[in-house]
N, C-alpha and C. Protein backbone atom coordinates (compact mmCIF):
# COMPACT_ATOMS: atom_id res chain seq x y z
N MET A 1 32.09 49.83 2.96
CA MET A 1 31.90 48.87 4.02
C MET A 1 30.41 48.66 4.32
N ASN A 2 29.64 49.74 4.33
CA ASN A 2 28.20 49.63 4.59
C ASN A 2 27.51 48.81 3.50
N ARG A 3 27.92 49.00 2.24
CA ARG A 3 27.31 48.24 1.15
C ARG A 3 27.61 46.75 1.31
N LEU A 4 28.83 46.42 1.68
CA LEU A 4 29.19 45.02 1.89
C LEU A 4 28.39 44.42 3.04
N LEU A 5 28.25 45.16 4.12
CA LEU A 5 27.48 44.70 5.27
C LEU A 5 26.00 44.53 4.90
N THR A 6 25.44 45.46 4.14
CA THR A 6 24.05 45.36 3.70
C THR A 6 23.86 44.16 2.79
N ALA A 7 24.76 43.95 1.85
CA ALA A 7 24.67 42.80 0.93
C ALA A 7 24.78 41.49 1.69
N LEU A 8 25.70 41.44 2.64
CA LEU A 8 25.87 40.23 3.46
C LEU A 8 24.62 39.96 4.29
N THR A 9 24.03 41.00 4.86
CA THR A 9 22.82 40.85 5.67
C THR A 9 21.66 40.35 4.80
N LEU A 10 21.49 40.95 3.61
CA LEU A 10 20.45 40.50 2.69
C LEU A 10 20.65 39.05 2.30
N PHE A 11 21.87 38.66 2.00
CA PHE A 11 22.17 37.27 1.64
C PHE A 11 21.79 36.32 2.76
N LEU A 12 22.17 36.67 3.98
CA LEU A 12 21.87 35.81 5.12
C LEU A 12 20.36 35.70 5.37
N LEU A 13 19.62 36.80 5.22
CA LEU A 13 18.17 36.75 5.42
C LEU A 13 17.47 35.90 4.36
N ILE A 14 17.98 35.96 3.13
CA ILE A 14 17.38 35.16 2.06
C ILE A 14 17.75 33.68 2.22
N ALA A 15 19.01 33.43 2.51
CA ALA A 15 19.48 32.05 2.61
C ALA A 15 18.99 31.35 3.87
N PHE A 16 18.87 32.09 4.96
CA PHE A 16 18.48 31.50 6.25
C PHE A 16 17.36 32.33 6.87
N PRO A 17 16.09 32.12 6.45
CA PRO A 17 15.00 32.93 6.98
C PRO A 17 14.87 32.80 8.48
N VAL A 18 14.48 33.88 9.11
CA VAL A 18 14.37 33.93 10.57
C VAL A 18 13.23 33.05 11.07
N GLN A 19 12.14 32.92 10.28
CA GLN A 19 10.97 32.16 10.72
C GLN A 19 11.20 30.66 10.70
N GLY A 20 12.23 30.21 10.13
CA GLY A 20 12.49 28.77 10.10
C GLY A 20 12.10 28.16 8.76
N ASN A 21 12.65 27.04 8.51
CA ASN A 21 12.42 26.33 7.26
C ASN A 21 11.63 25.06 7.57
N PRO A 22 10.37 24.91 7.06
CA PRO A 22 9.59 23.71 7.39
C PRO A 22 10.29 22.42 7.03
N ALA A 23 11.02 22.40 5.92
CA ALA A 23 11.73 21.18 5.54
C ALA A 23 12.79 20.86 6.58
N ALA A 24 13.47 21.88 7.07
CA ALA A 24 14.48 21.66 8.11
C ALA A 24 13.82 21.17 9.40
N ASP A 25 12.62 21.74 9.72
CA ASP A 25 11.91 21.30 10.92
C ASP A 25 11.57 19.82 10.82
N SER A 26 11.07 19.38 9.65
CA SER A 26 10.75 17.97 9.44
C SER A 26 11.99 17.11 9.53
N ALA A 27 13.10 17.62 9.02
CA ALA A 27 14.34 16.84 9.03
C ALA A 27 14.85 16.61 10.44
N ASN A 28 14.47 17.48 11.36
CA ASN A 28 14.94 17.35 12.75
C ASN A 28 14.05 16.47 13.60
N LYS A 29 12.88 16.10 13.09
CA LYS A 29 11.97 15.27 13.87
C LYS A 29 12.45 13.82 13.85
N PRO A 30 12.27 13.11 14.96
CA PRO A 30 12.61 11.69 14.95
C PRO A 30 11.63 10.91 14.06
N VAL A 31 12.14 9.88 13.41
CA VAL A 31 11.32 9.03 12.55
C VAL A 31 11.11 7.71 13.27
N HIS A 32 9.85 7.35 13.45
CA HIS A 32 9.48 6.08 14.06
C HIS A 32 9.00 5.17 12.93
N VAL A 33 9.64 4.02 12.77
CA VAL A 33 9.28 3.09 11.71
C VAL A 33 8.36 2.03 12.28
N GLN A 34 7.22 1.89 11.66
CA GLN A 34 6.21 0.91 12.08
C GLN A 34 6.44 -0.37 11.30
N GLU A 35 6.94 -1.37 11.95
CA GLU A 35 7.20 -2.67 11.31
C GLU A 35 5.96 -3.55 11.43
N VAL A 36 5.68 -4.30 10.39
CA VAL A 36 4.55 -5.22 10.39
C VAL A 36 5.09 -6.60 10.06
N LEU A 37 4.73 -7.57 10.86
CA LEU A 37 5.11 -8.95 10.62
C LEU A 37 3.84 -9.76 10.38
N PRO A 38 3.39 -9.80 9.12
CA PRO A 38 2.11 -10.45 8.83
C PRO A 38 2.20 -11.97 8.91
N ILE A 39 1.06 -12.58 9.17
CA ILE A 39 0.95 -14.03 9.08
C ILE A 39 0.62 -14.34 7.64
N VAL A 40 1.44 -15.17 7.02
CA VAL A 40 1.30 -15.46 5.59
C VAL A 40 0.96 -16.95 5.42
N PRO A 41 -0.12 -17.23 4.72
CA PRO A 41 -0.46 -18.64 4.45
C PRO A 41 0.66 -19.33 3.67
N ASP A 42 0.73 -20.67 3.78
CA ASP A 42 1.80 -21.44 3.12
C ASP A 42 1.54 -21.73 1.66
N THR A 43 0.27 -21.79 1.25
CA THR A 43 -0.04 -22.15 -0.14
C THR A 43 -1.01 -21.13 -0.73
N LEU A 44 -1.09 -21.14 -2.05
CA LEU A 44 -2.03 -20.24 -2.73
C LEU A 44 -3.47 -20.61 -2.34
N ARG A 45 -3.75 -21.89 -2.19
CA ARG A 45 -5.09 -22.31 -1.76
C ARG A 45 -5.42 -21.74 -0.38
N GLU A 46 -4.47 -21.80 0.56
CA GLU A 46 -4.70 -21.24 1.90
C GLU A 46 -4.88 -19.72 1.84
N LEU A 47 -4.11 -19.06 0.98
CA LEU A 47 -4.26 -17.62 0.80
C LEU A 47 -5.66 -17.32 0.28
N PHE A 48 -6.13 -18.10 -0.67
CA PHE A 48 -7.46 -17.93 -1.25
C PHE A 48 -8.55 -18.16 -0.20
N THR A 49 -8.46 -19.28 0.52
CA THR A 49 -9.53 -19.61 1.48
C THR A 49 -9.53 -18.69 2.70
N SER A 50 -8.40 -18.10 3.06
CA SER A 50 -8.36 -17.19 4.20
C SER A 50 -8.78 -15.77 3.83
N SER A 51 -9.08 -15.54 2.56
CA SER A 51 -9.50 -14.21 2.08
C SER A 51 -11.02 -14.14 1.99
N ASP A 52 -11.55 -12.95 2.30
CA ASP A 52 -12.97 -12.71 2.10
C ASP A 52 -13.24 -12.35 0.63
N ASP A 53 -12.30 -11.65 0.02
CA ASP A 53 -12.43 -11.23 -1.37
C ASP A 53 -11.11 -11.46 -2.10
N VAL A 54 -11.19 -11.97 -3.32
CA VAL A 54 -10.04 -12.07 -4.21
C VAL A 54 -10.45 -11.35 -5.48
N LEU A 55 -9.77 -10.24 -5.77
CA LEU A 55 -10.19 -9.36 -6.85
C LEU A 55 -9.03 -9.01 -7.77
N GLU A 56 -9.34 -8.90 -9.04
CA GLU A 56 -8.39 -8.30 -9.97
C GLU A 56 -8.80 -6.83 -10.04
N VAL A 57 -7.85 -5.93 -9.78
CA VAL A 57 -8.15 -4.51 -9.68
C VAL A 57 -7.16 -3.67 -10.47
N GLU A 58 -7.55 -2.45 -10.74
CA GLU A 58 -6.65 -1.43 -11.26
C GLU A 58 -6.68 -0.29 -10.25
N ILE A 59 -5.51 0.08 -9.74
CA ILE A 59 -5.42 1.13 -8.72
C ILE A 59 -5.74 2.48 -9.37
N LEU A 60 -6.73 3.18 -8.80
CA LEU A 60 -7.11 4.50 -9.30
C LEU A 60 -6.43 5.62 -8.52
N SER A 61 -6.35 5.47 -7.19
CA SER A 61 -5.74 6.50 -6.36
C SER A 61 -5.34 5.92 -5.01
N SER A 62 -4.55 6.69 -4.28
CA SER A 62 -4.13 6.26 -2.94
C SER A 62 -3.89 7.48 -2.07
N ASP A 63 -4.09 7.29 -0.77
CA ASP A 63 -3.72 8.34 0.19
C ASP A 63 -3.40 7.69 1.53
N VAL A 64 -2.56 8.38 2.30
CA VAL A 64 -2.09 7.86 3.58
C VAL A 64 -2.93 8.45 4.70
N ARG A 65 -3.33 7.59 5.64
CA ARG A 65 -4.11 8.04 6.80
C ARG A 65 -3.65 7.29 8.04
N ALA A 66 -3.95 7.90 9.17
CA ALA A 66 -3.70 7.24 10.45
C ALA A 66 -5.00 6.55 10.88
N VAL A 67 -4.88 5.33 11.38
CA VAL A 67 -6.03 4.61 11.93
C VAL A 67 -5.67 4.19 13.35
N GLY A 68 -6.68 3.81 14.10
CA GLY A 68 -6.45 3.39 15.48
C GLY A 68 -6.62 4.55 16.43
N ARG A 69 -6.18 4.37 17.64
CA ARG A 69 -6.29 5.39 18.67
C ARG A 69 -5.28 6.51 18.41
N PRO A 70 -5.65 7.75 18.71
CA PRO A 70 -4.70 8.86 18.54
C PRO A 70 -3.41 8.67 19.34
N SER A 71 -3.50 7.99 20.47
CA SER A 71 -2.31 7.76 21.28
C SER A 71 -1.42 6.64 20.72
N ASN A 72 -1.96 5.84 19.79
CA ASN A 72 -1.21 4.74 19.20
C ASN A 72 -1.64 4.55 17.74
N PRO A 73 -1.31 5.52 16.87
CA PRO A 73 -1.78 5.43 15.49
C PRO A 73 -0.99 4.42 14.65
N TYR A 74 -1.65 3.93 13.61
CA TYR A 74 -1.02 3.08 12.61
C TYR A 74 -1.10 3.81 11.27
N VAL A 75 -0.04 3.75 10.50
CA VAL A 75 -0.02 4.35 9.17
C VAL A 75 -0.57 3.33 8.18
N ARG A 76 -1.57 3.72 7.42
CA ARG A 76 -2.16 2.84 6.42
C ARG A 76 -2.31 3.60 5.11
N MET A 77 -1.94 2.96 4.02
CA MET A 77 -2.19 3.49 2.68
C MET A 77 -3.56 3.00 2.27
N PHE A 78 -4.45 3.91 1.91
CA PHE A 78 -5.80 3.56 1.45
C PHE A 78 -5.82 3.66 -0.07
N TYR A 79 -6.22 2.57 -0.71
CA TYR A 79 -6.31 2.52 -2.17
C TYR A 79 -7.76 2.51 -2.60
N THR A 80 -8.06 3.26 -3.64
CA THR A 80 -9.34 3.14 -4.32
C THR A 80 -9.01 2.47 -5.65
N ALA A 81 -9.71 1.37 -5.94
CA ALA A 81 -9.39 0.59 -7.13
C ALA A 81 -10.65 0.22 -7.89
N LYS A 82 -10.52 0.17 -9.19
CA LYS A 82 -11.60 -0.31 -10.06
C LYS A 82 -11.53 -1.84 -10.06
N VAL A 83 -12.66 -2.49 -9.81
CA VAL A 83 -12.71 -3.95 -9.82
C VAL A 83 -12.87 -4.41 -11.27
N VAL A 84 -11.91 -5.19 -11.74
CA VAL A 84 -11.93 -5.72 -13.10
C VAL A 84 -12.58 -7.10 -13.12
N ARG A 85 -12.26 -7.91 -12.12
CA ARG A 85 -12.81 -9.27 -12.04
C ARG A 85 -12.90 -9.68 -10.58
N ILE A 86 -13.98 -10.39 -10.26
CA ILE A 86 -14.17 -10.93 -8.92
C ILE A 86 -13.85 -12.42 -8.98
N ARG A 87 -12.86 -12.85 -8.24
CA ARG A 87 -12.50 -14.27 -8.16
C ARG A 87 -13.15 -14.94 -6.95
N LYS A 88 -13.43 -14.12 -5.92
CA LYS A 88 -14.08 -14.61 -4.71
C LYS A 88 -14.73 -13.42 -4.02
N GLY A 89 -15.89 -13.66 -3.41
CA GLY A 89 -16.58 -12.60 -2.69
C GLY A 89 -17.49 -11.81 -3.60
N SER A 90 -17.87 -10.66 -3.13
CA SER A 90 -18.69 -9.76 -3.93
C SER A 90 -18.19 -8.35 -3.69
N SER A 91 -18.29 -7.55 -4.71
CA SER A 91 -17.73 -6.22 -4.59
C SER A 91 -18.43 -5.29 -5.58
N PRO A 92 -18.55 -4.02 -5.22
CA PRO A 92 -19.08 -3.05 -6.18
C PRO A 92 -18.04 -2.79 -7.28
N ALA A 93 -18.33 -1.87 -8.15
CA ALA A 93 -17.41 -1.56 -9.27
C ALA A 93 -16.08 -1.00 -8.78
N GLN A 94 -16.09 -0.40 -7.58
CA GLN A 94 -14.86 0.10 -6.97
C GLN A 94 -14.74 -0.45 -5.56
N VAL A 95 -13.49 -0.60 -5.11
CA VAL A 95 -13.24 -1.11 -3.77
C VAL A 95 -12.15 -0.25 -3.11
N VAL A 96 -12.26 -0.11 -1.80
CA VAL A 96 -11.23 0.58 -1.02
C VAL A 96 -10.61 -0.46 -0.10
N PHE A 97 -9.28 -0.52 -0.07
CA PHE A 97 -8.57 -1.43 0.83
C PHE A 97 -7.30 -0.76 1.31
N THR A 98 -6.70 -1.35 2.36
CA THR A 98 -5.53 -0.72 2.97
C THR A 98 -4.33 -1.66 3.02
N GLN A 99 -3.20 -1.02 3.19
CA GLN A 99 -1.92 -1.70 3.32
C GLN A 99 -1.07 -0.89 4.30
N SER A 100 -0.20 -1.56 5.01
CA SER A 100 0.76 -0.86 5.86
C SER A 100 1.84 -0.27 4.97
N ALA A 101 1.72 1.03 4.67
CA ALA A 101 2.67 1.72 3.80
C ALA A 101 2.46 3.21 3.97
N GLY A 102 3.48 3.98 3.66
CA GLY A 102 3.37 5.43 3.68
C GLY A 102 4.03 6.07 4.88
N GLU A 103 3.81 7.38 4.99
CA GLU A 103 4.45 8.17 6.04
C GLU A 103 3.53 9.32 6.42
N LEU A 104 3.44 9.59 7.72
CA LEU A 104 2.65 10.71 8.24
C LEU A 104 3.51 11.55 9.17
N GLU A 105 3.32 12.85 9.09
CA GLU A 105 4.06 13.75 9.98
C GLU A 105 3.13 14.23 11.08
N PHE A 106 3.57 14.07 12.32
CA PHE A 106 2.86 14.54 13.49
C PHE A 106 3.64 15.73 14.06
N PRO A 107 3.07 16.46 15.01
CA PRO A 107 3.76 17.65 15.51
C PRO A 107 5.20 17.40 16.02
N ASP A 108 5.44 16.25 16.66
CA ASP A 108 6.78 16.04 17.21
C ASP A 108 7.52 14.81 16.69
N TYR A 109 6.97 14.13 15.68
CA TYR A 109 7.69 12.99 15.09
C TYR A 109 7.07 12.64 13.73
N ILE A 110 7.77 11.79 13.01
CA ILE A 110 7.29 11.27 11.74
C ILE A 110 7.08 9.77 11.92
N LEU A 111 5.92 9.27 11.49
CA LEU A 111 5.62 7.84 11.59
C LEU A 111 5.62 7.27 10.19
N ARG A 112 6.46 6.26 9.97
CA ARG A 112 6.63 5.66 8.65
C ARG A 112 6.34 4.17 8.73
N ALA A 113 5.53 3.67 7.79
CA ALA A 113 5.29 2.23 7.68
C ALA A 113 6.32 1.66 6.72
N SER A 114 6.74 0.44 6.99
CA SER A 114 7.84 -0.15 6.22
C SER A 114 7.42 -0.71 4.86
N GLY A 115 6.12 -0.84 4.59
CA GLY A 115 5.66 -1.43 3.33
C GLY A 115 5.88 -0.53 2.12
N GLU A 116 6.01 -1.16 0.96
CA GLU A 116 6.16 -0.42 -0.30
C GLU A 116 4.78 -0.28 -0.94
N PRO A 117 4.36 0.96 -1.27
CA PRO A 117 3.01 1.15 -1.81
C PRO A 117 2.82 0.59 -3.22
N LEU A 118 1.57 0.29 -3.53
CA LEU A 118 1.18 -0.12 -4.88
C LEU A 118 1.10 1.14 -5.75
N LYS A 119 1.17 0.96 -7.07
CA LYS A 119 1.22 2.12 -7.97
C LYS A 119 -0.11 2.33 -8.69
N SER A 120 -0.51 3.59 -8.76
CA SER A 120 -1.72 3.96 -9.50
C SER A 120 -1.56 3.59 -10.97
N GLY A 121 -2.67 3.13 -11.55
CA GLY A 121 -2.68 2.76 -12.96
C GLY A 121 -2.25 1.33 -13.23
N GLU A 122 -1.72 0.65 -12.23
CA GLU A 122 -1.26 -0.73 -12.40
C GLU A 122 -2.38 -1.70 -12.04
N ARG A 123 -2.31 -2.92 -12.63
CA ARG A 123 -3.28 -3.98 -12.36
C ARG A 123 -2.68 -5.00 -11.40
N TYR A 124 -3.50 -5.45 -10.47
CA TYR A 124 -3.08 -6.42 -9.46
C TYR A 124 -4.21 -7.41 -9.18
N VAL A 125 -3.85 -8.59 -8.72
CA VAL A 125 -4.80 -9.49 -8.07
C VAL A 125 -4.52 -9.33 -6.58
N VAL A 126 -5.56 -8.97 -5.83
CA VAL A 126 -5.39 -8.72 -4.40
C VAL A 126 -6.26 -9.68 -3.59
N PHE A 127 -5.71 -10.13 -2.49
CA PHE A 127 -6.40 -11.02 -1.56
C PHE A 127 -6.72 -10.17 -0.33
N LEU A 128 -8.02 -10.00 -0.05
CA LEU A 128 -8.46 -9.06 0.99
C LEU A 128 -9.24 -9.76 2.09
N ARG A 129 -9.10 -9.20 3.28
CA ARG A 129 -9.83 -9.68 4.46
C ARG A 129 -10.49 -8.46 5.10
N ARG A 130 -11.68 -8.65 5.62
CA ARG A 130 -12.36 -7.55 6.31
C ARG A 130 -11.66 -7.28 7.64
N ASN A 131 -11.46 -5.99 7.92
CA ASN A 131 -10.86 -5.55 9.18
C ASN A 131 -11.29 -4.11 9.40
N GLU A 132 -12.32 -3.92 10.20
CA GLU A 132 -12.87 -2.58 10.42
C GLU A 132 -11.88 -1.65 11.10
N ALA A 133 -11.05 -2.17 11.98
CA ALA A 133 -10.08 -1.32 12.68
C ALA A 133 -9.07 -0.69 11.73
N PHE A 134 -8.76 -1.37 10.64
CA PHE A 134 -7.78 -0.85 9.68
C PHE A 134 -8.42 -0.33 8.40
N GLY A 135 -9.70 0.01 8.44
CA GLY A 135 -10.29 0.69 7.30
C GLY A 135 -11.27 -0.09 6.47
N GLY A 136 -11.72 -1.23 6.90
CA GLY A 136 -12.72 -1.99 6.15
C GLY A 136 -12.18 -3.26 5.53
N ARG A 137 -11.27 -3.13 4.58
CA ARG A 137 -10.62 -4.29 3.96
C ARG A 137 -9.13 -4.04 3.94
N MET A 138 -8.38 -5.10 4.20
CA MET A 138 -6.92 -5.00 4.17
C MET A 138 -6.34 -6.19 3.43
N LEU A 139 -5.11 -6.03 2.97
CA LEU A 139 -4.43 -7.12 2.27
C LEU A 139 -4.13 -8.27 3.22
N VAL A 140 -4.38 -9.49 2.80
CA VAL A 140 -4.02 -10.67 3.57
C VAL A 140 -2.50 -10.83 3.45
N GLY A 141 -1.82 -10.90 4.57
CA GLY A 141 -0.36 -11.05 4.54
C GLY A 141 0.35 -9.81 4.02
N GLU A 142 -0.33 -8.65 4.10
CA GLU A 142 0.21 -7.39 3.57
C GLU A 142 0.69 -7.58 2.13
N ARG A 143 1.92 -7.31 1.84
CA ARG A 143 2.45 -7.36 0.47
C ARG A 143 2.36 -8.77 -0.14
N ASN A 144 2.30 -9.79 0.70
CA ASN A 144 2.22 -11.17 0.22
C ASN A 144 0.87 -11.50 -0.41
N GLY A 145 -0.13 -10.65 -0.19
CA GLY A 145 -1.45 -10.85 -0.78
C GLY A 145 -1.66 -10.03 -2.04
N VAL A 146 -0.55 -9.67 -2.71
CA VAL A 146 -0.62 -8.84 -3.92
C VAL A 146 0.19 -9.49 -5.04
N PHE A 147 -0.45 -9.61 -6.21
CA PHE A 147 0.20 -10.17 -7.39
C PHE A 147 -0.02 -9.21 -8.55
N LYS A 148 1.04 -8.58 -8.99
CA LYS A 148 0.96 -7.60 -10.08
C LYS A 148 0.86 -8.32 -11.42
N ILE A 149 0.05 -7.78 -12.32
CA ILE A 149 -0.09 -8.33 -13.66
C ILE A 149 0.68 -7.44 -14.62
N VAL A 150 1.71 -8.00 -15.24
CA VAL A 150 2.56 -7.25 -16.17
C VAL A 150 2.71 -8.03 -17.46
N ARG A 151 2.21 -7.45 -18.54
CA ARG A 151 2.32 -8.06 -19.88
C ARG A 151 1.92 -9.55 -19.87
N GLY A 152 0.78 -9.84 -19.21
CA GLY A 152 0.26 -11.20 -19.21
C GLY A 152 0.96 -12.16 -18.26
N ARG A 153 1.82 -11.65 -17.40
CA ARG A 153 2.56 -12.48 -16.44
C ARG A 153 2.29 -11.99 -15.02
N ILE A 154 2.47 -12.89 -14.06
CA ILE A 154 2.27 -12.58 -12.65
C ILE A 154 3.61 -12.24 -12.00
N GLU A 155 3.64 -11.10 -11.31
CA GLU A 155 4.81 -10.69 -10.53
C GLU A 155 4.38 -10.56 -9.08
N PRO A 156 4.63 -11.58 -8.25
CA PRO A 156 4.28 -11.48 -6.83
C PRO A 156 4.97 -10.29 -6.20
N GLN A 157 4.27 -9.58 -5.34
CA GLN A 157 4.84 -8.42 -4.68
C GLN A 157 5.39 -8.75 -3.30
N GLY A 158 5.15 -9.98 -2.85
CA GLY A 158 5.65 -10.42 -1.56
C GLY A 158 6.84 -11.35 -1.71
N PHE A 159 7.08 -12.10 -0.66
CA PHE A 159 8.23 -12.99 -0.60
C PHE A 159 7.78 -14.36 -0.13
N GLY A 160 8.64 -15.33 -0.23
CA GLY A 160 8.33 -16.64 0.32
C GLY A 160 7.89 -17.65 -0.72
N LYS A 161 7.36 -18.75 -0.20
CA LYS A 161 7.02 -19.91 -1.01
C LYS A 161 5.99 -19.61 -2.11
N ILE A 162 4.89 -18.95 -1.74
CA ILE A 162 3.85 -18.66 -2.74
C ILE A 162 4.42 -17.76 -3.83
N ALA A 163 5.16 -16.75 -3.45
CA ALA A 163 5.73 -15.82 -4.43
C ALA A 163 6.64 -16.56 -5.40
N GLU A 164 7.49 -17.44 -4.88
CA GLU A 164 8.41 -18.18 -5.76
C GLU A 164 7.65 -19.11 -6.71
N GLU A 165 6.59 -19.76 -6.20
CA GLU A 165 5.81 -20.68 -7.05
C GLU A 165 5.06 -19.94 -8.15
N GLN A 166 4.65 -18.70 -7.90
CA GLN A 166 3.81 -17.98 -8.86
C GLN A 166 4.59 -16.99 -9.73
N ARG A 167 5.86 -16.77 -9.45
CA ARG A 167 6.66 -15.81 -10.20
C ARG A 167 6.71 -16.18 -11.69
N SER A 168 6.35 -15.23 -12.54
CA SER A 168 6.37 -15.36 -14.01
C SER A 168 5.35 -16.35 -14.57
N VAL A 169 4.43 -16.82 -13.75
CA VAL A 169 3.35 -17.67 -14.25
C VAL A 169 2.48 -16.79 -15.15
N SER A 170 1.89 -17.36 -16.17
CA SER A 170 1.03 -16.56 -17.05
C SER A 170 -0.24 -16.16 -16.28
N GLU A 171 -0.77 -15.02 -16.65
CA GLU A 171 -2.00 -14.52 -16.04
C GLU A 171 -3.12 -15.55 -16.20
N ARG A 172 -3.18 -16.19 -17.35
CA ARG A 172 -4.21 -17.19 -17.63
C ARG A 172 -4.08 -18.40 -16.69
N SER A 173 -2.85 -18.91 -16.51
CA SER A 173 -2.64 -20.06 -15.61
C SER A 173 -2.95 -19.70 -14.16
N PHE A 174 -2.55 -18.50 -13.76
CA PHE A 174 -2.82 -18.04 -12.39
C PHE A 174 -4.33 -17.97 -12.17
N GLY A 175 -5.05 -17.38 -13.13
CA GLY A 175 -6.50 -17.28 -13.03
C GLY A 175 -7.17 -18.64 -13.01
N ALA A 176 -6.67 -19.56 -13.83
CA ALA A 176 -7.24 -20.91 -13.87
C ALA A 176 -7.05 -21.61 -12.53
N GLU A 177 -5.89 -21.41 -11.90
CA GLU A 177 -5.66 -22.02 -10.59
C GLU A 177 -6.62 -21.44 -9.56
N LEU A 178 -6.83 -20.13 -9.57
CA LEU A 178 -7.78 -19.51 -8.65
C LEU A 178 -9.19 -20.03 -8.91
N ASP A 179 -9.54 -20.19 -10.18
CA ASP A 179 -10.87 -20.71 -10.53
C ASP A 179 -11.08 -22.14 -10.01
N ARG A 180 -10.01 -22.93 -9.94
CA ARG A 180 -10.14 -24.29 -9.39
C ARG A 180 -10.51 -24.25 -7.91
N PHE A 181 -10.09 -23.19 -7.21
CA PHE A 181 -10.43 -23.07 -5.78
C PHE A 181 -11.88 -22.66 -5.61
N SER A 182 -12.42 -21.91 -6.56
CA SER A 182 -13.80 -21.45 -6.50
C SER A 182 -14.32 -21.36 -7.93
N PRO A 183 -15.34 -22.11 -8.27
CA PRO A 183 -15.82 -22.09 -9.65
C PRO A 183 -16.48 -20.77 -10.04
N ARG A 184 -16.68 -19.90 -9.05
CA ARG A 184 -17.36 -18.64 -9.31
C ARG A 184 -16.35 -17.52 -9.57
N SER A 185 -16.21 -17.12 -10.80
CA SER A 185 -15.35 -16.02 -11.18
C SER A 185 -16.15 -15.12 -12.12
N ILE A 186 -16.32 -13.87 -11.75
CA ILE A 186 -17.20 -12.97 -12.48
C ILE A 186 -16.40 -11.83 -13.11
N GLN A 187 -16.58 -11.64 -14.40
CA GLN A 187 -15.94 -10.52 -15.11
C GLN A 187 -16.81 -9.29 -14.90
N GLN A 188 -16.22 -8.16 -14.41
CA GLN A 188 -16.97 -6.92 -14.24
C GLN A 188 -17.13 -6.25 -15.60
N GLN A 189 -18.25 -5.62 -15.80
CA GLN A 189 -18.51 -4.91 -17.06
C GLN A 189 -18.18 -3.45 -16.93
């Protein structure tokens, strides 16, 4: 009987540690979802003209941070990207920009942004606007200001009229249309 009791006690201590399980603690925290309703331009030309920078980039890395006041934080995914081509604006060889995406754990709750993050190693055309409160540069229209380049074709990452018009357009045609808005397009070396 003592052996059975000892084995049962050992099993319970291993299976259910007395100090608590951090994953279980996180699972018990309330999750607050941060919804973003961006203002999205109606046309590609309006998206272009409302942007400070239009860049073709390759995502190198990303990390999630809180911005804003500690009493009212916003979850932002910060991307570091290699600039492949400048379609508008000026930029160094690398750029940092943000998007509403990701999740942060605080002592008594989890804050999650509803956006879907961009992927490292992928190429995108991004439309950026300066916004110091959200980290320097942010996507215009959040996900609507992102166009993924896949095998020479454009895959809009947002929704709506612009996305439908540009879906599956060739990279060359998309670039030519952007060049019509601004004759200055610079290939990074």
